[in-house]
Amino acid sequence: MTDIYEGDAPSASTVKLWVDRFEAGDFSLEDQRHTGRPTELDLDLLRTTVEADPFQSIRELSTKLGVSLGTIANDDQLGTEIDVVEIE
């Protein structure tokens, strides 16, 4: 599968999960409910929050929006680039 899909191929653990679900009779293609933090980011709210104060840190944004730092830093759907500055 990786020969064809390369970096877009599902991991071995994902395929095992699918096989286990199918063997148990679950043929649904929908994601099951997850516990923990929501995985979706309200992009409109993020955009509005950044436009209101473009000098906020990723930590401040993640706290205000209730998402992880990685969710903010790794979001490429905004159409803008977020520069991360390392402080020594």
C-alpha atoms as a PDB file:
ATOM      1  CA  MET A   1       0.000   0.000   0.000  1.00  0.00           C
ATOM      2  CA  THR A   2       2.860   2.388   0.776  1.00  0.00           C
ATOM      3  CA  ASP A   3       4.301   1.757  -2.705  1.00  0.00           C
ATOM      4  CA  ILE A   4       1.153   3.258  -4.196  1.00  0.00           C
ATOM      5  CA  TYR A   5       0.050   5.847  -1.620  1.00  0.00           C
ATOM      6  CA  GLU A   6       3.502   6.717  -0.227  1.00  0.00           C
ATOM      7  CA  GLY A   7       3.082   9.256   2.614  1.00  0.00           C
ATOM      8  CA  ASP A   8      -0.716   9.131   2.405  1.00  0.00           C
ATOM      9  CA  ALA A   9      -0.912   5.410   3.228  1.00  0.00           C
ATOM     10  CA  PRO A  10      -2.608   4.525   6.514  1.00  0.00           C
ATOM     11  CA  SER A  11      -0.361   3.223   9.295  1.00  0.00           C
ATOM     12  CA  ALA A  12      -0.236  -0.453  10.170  1.00  0.00           C
ATOM     13  CA  SER A  13      -2.045   0.263  13.452  1.00  0.00           C
ATOM     14  CA  THR A  14      -4.887   1.988  11.552  1.00  0.00           C
ATOM     15  CA  VAL A  15      -5.259  -0.969   9.202  1.00  0.00           C
ATOM     16  CA  LYS A  16      -5.308  -3.357  12.187  1.00  0.00           C
ATOM     17  CA  LEU A  17      -8.046  -1.247  13.793  1.00  0.00           C
ATOM     18  CA  TRP A  18     -10.094  -1.446  10.572  1.00  0.00           C
ATOM     19  CA  VAL A  19      -9.629  -5.235  10.354  1.00  0.00           C
ATOM     20  CA  ASP A  20     -10.659  -5.665  14.002  1.00  0.00           C
ATOM     21  CA  ARG A  21     -13.764  -3.527  13.472  1.00  0.00           C
ATOM     22  CA  PHE A  22     -14.750  -5.371  10.269  1.00  0.00           C
ATOM     23  CA  GLU A  23     -14.225  -8.772  11.904  1.00  0.00           C
ATOM     24  CA  ALA A  24     -16.510  -7.636  14.743  1.00  0.00           C
ATOM     25  CA  GLY A  25     -19.221  -6.851  12.192  1.00  0.00           C
ATOM     26  CA  ASP A  26     -18.784  -3.071  12.218  1.00  0.00           C
ATOM     27  CA  PHE A  27     -18.761  -2.031   8.566  1.00  0.00           C
ATOM     28  CA  SER A  28     -19.420   1.657   9.247  1.00  0.00           C
ATOM     29  CA  LEU A  29     -17.071   4.084   7.553  1.00  0.00           C
ATOM     30  CA  GLU A  30     -17.912   6.873  10.004  1.00  0.00           C
ATOM     31  CA  ASP A  31     -15.486   7.867  12.747  1.00  0.00           C
ATOM     32  CA  GLN A  32     -16.490   6.731  16.200  1.00  0.00           C
ATOM     33  CA  ARG A  33     -16.894   9.218  19.047  1.00  0.00           C
ATOM     34  CA  HIS A  34     -13.692  10.057  20.877  1.00  0.00           C
ATOM     35  CA  THR A  35     -13.108  11.199  24.415  1.00  0.00           C
ATOM     36  CA  GLY A  36     -10.855  14.073  25.343  1.00  0.00           C
ATOM     37  CA  ARG A  37     -10.338  17.391  23.640  1.00  0.00           C
ATOM     38  CA  PRO A  38     -12.223  18.126  20.437  1.00  0.00           C
ATOM     39  CA  THR A  39     -10.106  17.579  17.341  1.00  0.00           C
ATOM     40  CA  GLU A  40     -11.790  20.243  15.271  1.00  0.00           C
ATOM     41  CA  LEU A  41     -10.694  23.842  15.226  1.00  0.00           C
ATOM     42  CA  ASP A  42     -13.158  26.630  14.494  1.00  0.00           C
ATOM     43  CA  LEU A  43     -11.163  28.354  11.757  1.00  0.00           C
ATOM     44  CA  ASP A  44     -13.428  31.404  11.665  1.00  0.00           C
ATOM     45  CA  LEU A  45     -12.963  31.930  15.396  1.00  0.00           C
ATOM     46  CA  LEU A  46      -9.203  31.451  15.062  1.00  0.00           C
ATOM     47  CA  ARG A  47      -9.034  33.915  12.164  1.00  0.00           C
ATOM     48  CA  THR A  48     -11.102  36.507  14.068  1.00  0.00           C
ATOM     49  CA  THR A  49      -8.998  36.072  17.213  1.00  0.00           C
ATOM     50  CA  VAL A  50      -5.729  36.472  15.294  1.00  0.00           C
ATOM     51  CA  GLU A  51      -7.011  39.485  13.359  1.00  0.00           C
ATOM     52  CA  ALA A  52      -8.069  41.158  16.633  1.00  0.00           C
ATOM     53  CA  ASP A  53      -4.534  40.805  18.041  1.00  0.00           C
ATOM     54  CA  PRO A  54      -1.981  39.454  15.551  1.00  0.00           C
ATOM     55  CA  PHE A  55       0.796  39.515  18.159  1.00  0.00           C
ATOM     56  CA  GLN A  56      -0.681  36.812  20.400  1.00  0.00           C
ATOM     57  CA  SER A  57       1.466  33.808  21.106  1.00  0.00           C
ATOM     58  CA  ILE A  58       0.404  30.323  20.073  1.00  0.00           C
ATOM     59  CA  ARG A  59       0.082  29.537  23.778  1.00  0.00           C
ATOM     60  CA  GLU A  60      -2.363  32.432  24.262  1.00  0.00           C
ATOM     61  CA  LEU A  61      -4.383  31.357  21.212  1.00  0.00           C
ATOM     62  CA  SER A  62      -4.540  27.727  22.334  1.00  0.00           C
ATOM     63  CA  THR A  63      -5.747  28.797  25.791  1.00  0.00           C
ATOM     64  CA  LYS A  64      -8.406  31.149  24.405  1.00  0.00           C
ATOM     65  CA  LEU A  65      -9.683  28.596  21.895  1.00  0.00           C
ATOM     66  CA  GLY A  66      -9.388  25.534  24.133  1.00  0.00           C
ATOM     67  CA  VAL A  67      -7.165  23.540  21.771  1.00  0.00           C
ATOM     68  CA  SER A  68      -3.613  22.223  21.997  1.00  0.00           C
ATOM     69  CA  LEU A  69      -0.546  24.203  20.983  1.00  0.00           C
ATOM     70  CA  GLY A  70       0.045  21.728  18.144  1.00  0.00           C
ATOM     71  CA  THR A  71      -3.441  22.286  16.758  1.00  0.00           C
ATOM     72  CA  ILE A  72      -2.701  25.983  16.337  1.00  0.00           C
ATOM     73  CA  ALA A  73       0.900  25.613  15.169  1.00  0.00           C
ATOM     74  CA  ASN A  74       0.159  22.880  12.643  1.00  0.00           C
ATOM     75  CA  ASP A  75      -2.978  24.369  11.095  1.00  0.00           C
ATOM     76  CA  ASP A  76      -2.337  25.051   7.416  1.00  0.00           C
ATOM     77  CA  GLN A  77      -5.940  25.859   6.490  1.00  0.00           C
ATOM     78  CA  LEU A  78      -5.730  29.541   7.399  1.00  0.00           C
ATOM     79  CA  GLY A  79      -3.952  30.517   4.218  1.00  0.00           C
ATOM     80  CA  THR A  80      -1.374  32.391   6.273  1.00  0.00           C
ATOM     81  CA  GLU A  81       1.974  31.444   7.659  1.00  0.00           C
ATOM     82  CA  ILE A  82       2.551  31.338  11.400  1.00  0.00           C
ATOM     83  CA  ASP A  83       6.140  32.164  12.296  1.00  0.00           C
ATOM     84  CA  VAL A  84       7.399  30.442  15.409  1.00  0.00           C
ATOM     85  CA  VAL A  85      10.260  32.293  17.043  1.00  0.00           C
ATOM     86  CA  GLU A  86      12.523  30.391  19.397  1.00  0.00           C
ATOM     87  CA  ILE A  87      13.790  32.364  22.357  1.00  0.00           C
ATOM     88  CA  GLU A  88      17.235  31.367  23.542  1.00  0.00           C
END
